C-alpha atoms as a PDB file:
ATOM      1  CA  MET A   1     -32.411   8.153  13.294  1.00  0.00           C
ATOM      2  CA  PHE A   2     -29.816  10.726  12.223  1.00  0.00           C
ATOM      3  CA  ARG A   3     -27.092   8.927  14.172  1.00  0.00           C
ATOM      4  CA  ILE A   4     -27.817   5.624  12.466  1.00  0.00           C
ATOM      5  CA  THR A   5     -27.864   7.228   9.005  1.00  0.00           C
ATOM      6  CA  PHE A   6     -24.697   9.215   9.695  1.00  0.00           C
ATOM      7  CA  THR A   7     -22.880   6.185  11.102  1.00  0.00           C
ATOM      8  CA  ALA A   8     -23.926   4.012   8.175  1.00  0.00           C
ATOM      9  CA  SER A   9     -22.791   6.694   5.718  1.00  0.00           C
ATOM     10  CA  LEU A  10     -19.456   7.071   7.488  1.00  0.00           C
ATOM     11  CA  LEU A  11     -18.835   3.325   7.509  1.00  0.00           C
ATOM     12  CA  PHE A  12     -19.687   3.095   3.802  1.00  0.00           C
ATOM     13  CA  ALA A  13     -17.325   5.969   2.970  1.00  0.00           C
ATOM     14  CA  MET A  14     -14.527   4.355   4.933  1.00  0.00           C
ATOM     15  CA  SER A  15     -15.051   1.042   3.151  1.00  0.00           C
ATOM     16  CA  VAL A  16     -14.607   2.554  -0.318  1.00  0.00           C
ATOM     17  CA  MET A  17     -11.633   4.780   0.461  1.00  0.00           C
ATOM     18  CA  ALA A  18      -8.569   3.838  -1.530  1.00  0.00           C
ATOM     19  CA  ILE A  19      -5.806   2.017   0.263  1.00  0.00           C
ATOM     20  CA  THR A  20      -2.567   3.969   0.271  1.00  0.00           C
ATOM     21  CA  PRO A  21       0.888   2.871   1.399  1.00  0.00           C
ATOM     22  CA  ASN A  22       2.181   3.889   4.802  1.00  0.00           C
ATOM     23  CA  ASP A  23       4.821   6.600   4.215  1.00  0.00           C
ATOM     24  CA  ALA A  24       6.905   5.416   7.175  1.00  0.00           C
ATOM     25  CA  GLY A  25       8.244   2.583   5.006  1.00  0.00           C
ATOM     26  CA  ALA A  26       9.266   4.777   2.065  1.00  0.00           C
ATOM     27  CA  LYS A  27      12.942   3.828   2.486  1.00  0.00           C
ATOM     28  CA  ASN A  28      12.093   0.194   1.654  1.00  0.00           C
ATOM     29  CA  VAL A  29      10.268   0.860  -1.634  1.00  0.00           C
ATOM     30  CA  GLY A  30      12.114  -0.680  -4.567  1.00  0.00           C
ATOM     31  CA  GLN A  31      14.909  -2.188  -2.482  1.00  0.00           C
ATOM     32  CA  GLY A  32      13.947  -5.786  -3.277  1.00  0.00           C
ATOM     33  CA  ASN A  33      15.322  -6.988   0.050  1.00  0.00           C
ATOM     34  CA  GLY A  34      12.063  -8.184   1.629  1.00  0.00           C
ATOM     35  CA  GLU A  35      12.195  -5.659   4.465  1.00  0.00           C
ATOM     36  CA  GLN A  36       8.985  -3.726   3.759  1.00  0.00           C
ATOM     37  CA  PHE A  37       6.252  -4.192   6.363  1.00  0.00           C
ATOM     38  CA  ILE A  38       2.576  -4.832   5.682  1.00  0.00           C
ATOM     39  CA  THR A  39       0.870  -1.592   4.533  1.00  0.00           C
ATOM     40  CA  GLY A  40       4.168  -0.221   3.226  1.00  0.00           C
ATOM     41  CA  GLY A  41       4.646   0.658  -0.432  1.00  0.00           C
ATOM     42  CA  CYS A  42       6.205  -1.755  -2.911  1.00  0.00           C
ATOM     43  CA  VAL A  43       7.008  -2.136  -6.588  1.00  0.00           C
ATOM     44  CA  ASN A  44       6.921  -5.955  -6.551  1.00  0.00           C
ATOM     45  CA  ASP A  45       6.762  -8.949  -4.192  1.00  0.00           C
ATOM     46  CA  ALA A  46      10.526  -8.815  -3.489  1.00  0.00           C
ATOM     47  CA  ASP A  47      10.081  -5.590  -1.493  1.00  0.00           C
ATOM     48  CA  CYS A  48       7.712  -7.159   1.038  1.00  0.00           C
ATOM     49  CA  ALA A  49       8.575  -9.212   4.115  1.00  0.00           C
ATOM     50  CA  SER A  50       5.298 -11.036   3.415  1.00  0.00           C
ATOM     51  CA  ALA A  51       6.372 -11.632  -0.232  1.00  0.00           C
ATOM     52  CA  CYS A  52       3.018 -10.140  -1.274  1.00  0.00           C
ATOM     53  CA  CYS A  53       2.870  -6.829  -3.130  1.00  0.00           C
ATOM     54  CA  THR A  54      -0.757  -6.270  -4.005  1.00  0.00           C
ATOM     55  CA  ASP A  55      -2.300  -3.885  -6.511  1.00  0.00           C
ATOM     56  CA  ALA A  56      -4.424  -1.316  -4.702  1.00  0.00           C
ATOM     57  CA  SER A  57      -5.831   0.715  -7.612  1.00  0.00           C
ATOM     58  CA  GLY A  58      -2.498   0.907  -9.421  1.00  0.00           C
ATOM     59  CA  ILE A  59      -0.399   1.412  -6.281  1.00  0.00           C
ATOM     60  CA  GLY A  60       1.673  -1.375  -4.746  1.00  0.00           C
ATOM     61  CA  VAL A  61       1.027  -2.082  -1.065  1.00  0.00           C
ATOM     62  CA  CYS A  62       2.561  -4.937   0.929  1.00  0.00           C
ATOM     63  CA  SER A  63      -0.133  -7.197   2.289  1.00  0.00           C
ATOM     64  CA  ALA A  64      -0.540 -10.387   4.227  1.00  0.00           C
ATOM     65  CA  GLU A  65      -1.388 -13.188   1.820  1.00  0.00           C
ATOM     66  CA  ALA A  66      -4.606 -13.854   3.729  1.00  0.00           C
ATOM     67  CA  ALA A  67      -5.681 -10.218   3.172  1.00  0.00           C
ATOM     68  CA  GLN A  68      -4.610  -9.834  -0.458  1.00  0.00           C
ATOM     69  CA  PHE A  69      -8.167  -9.360  -1.727  1.00  0.00           C
ATOM     70  CA  GLN A  70      -9.562  -7.278   1.130  1.00  0.00           C
ATOM     71  CA  ASN A  71     -10.536  -3.611   0.844  1.00  0.00           C
ATOM     72  CA  GLY A  72     -10.299  -3.466  -2.924  1.00  0.00           C
ATOM     73  CA  LYS A  73      -6.839  -5.016  -3.257  1.00  0.00           C
ATOM     74  CA  ASN A  74      -6.298  -7.192  -6.336  1.00  0.00           C
ATOM     75  CA  GLY A  75      -4.019  -9.926  -5.048  1.00  0.00           C
ATOM     76  CA  CYS A  76      -0.310 -10.613  -4.667  1.00  0.00           C
ATOM     77  CA  GLY A  77       2.099 -10.456  -7.568  1.00  0.00           C
ATOM     78  CA  PHE A  78       1.751  -6.766  -8.433  1.00  0.00           C
ATOM     79  CA  VAL A  79       4.590  -5.441 -10.583  1.00  0.00           C
ATOM     80  CA  ASN A  80       4.646  -1.666 -10.907  1.00  0.00           C
ATOM     81  CA  THR A  81       5.200  -0.720 -14.546  1.00  0.00           C
ATOM     82  CA  ASN A  82       6.150   2.777 -13.403  1.00  0.00           C
ATOM     83  CA  ALA A  83       8.620   1.596 -10.760  1.00  0.00           C
ATOM     84  CA  ALA A  84      11.244   4.283 -11.444  1.00  0.00           C
ATOM     85  CA  ALA A  85       8.777   7.098 -10.707  1.00  0.00           C
ATOM     86  CA  THR A  86       7.439   5.293  -7.637  1.00  0.00           C
ATOM     87  CA  ILE A  87      10.958   4.780  -6.260  1.00  0.00           C
ATOM     88  CA  ALA A  88      11.838   8.426  -6.958  1.00  0.00           C
ATOM     89  CA  ALA A  89       8.706   9.563  -5.092  1.00  0.00           C
ATOM     90  CA  ALA A  90       9.586   7.277  -2.175  1.00  0.00           C
ATOM     91  CA  GLU A  91      13.142   8.674  -2.066  1.00  0.00           C
ATOM     92  CA  ALA A  92      11.716  12.201  -1.986  1.00  0.00           C
ATOM     93  CA  GLN A  93       9.436  11.143   0.880  1.00  0.00           C
ATOM     94  CA  VAL A  94      12.437   9.771   2.801  1.00  0.00           C
ATOM     95  CA  GLU A  95      14.303  13.030   2.296  1.00  0.00           C
ATOM     96  CA  GLU A  96      11.284  15.017   3.471  1.00  0.00           C
ATOM     97  CA  GLN A  97      10.897  12.790   6.548  1.00  0.00           C
ATOM     98  CA  GLY A  98      14.592  12.917   7.370  1.00  0.00           C
ATOM     99  CA  PHE A  99      14.878   9.186   8.104  1.00  0.00           C
END
């Protein structure tokens, strides 16, 4: 019984975890050249190869159009009103990563 309860609790926790952008694509955030991959960060649709920047609790994440409402995402068309700070944070991440 413990295994079932633990597994159910773990699956529930995983389902409500916030979606965060994949740091590997930090160099593409705010470039507007459509080179960001799905799960990478974005400040608007122009960043994403999929042309879909979705709002994931106030954070832009590139998504496939078919998945734009999954896992708490709020649909394509997100425009980050704090884009300058997001781009600066992405640039700092790139510098930290070294690529």
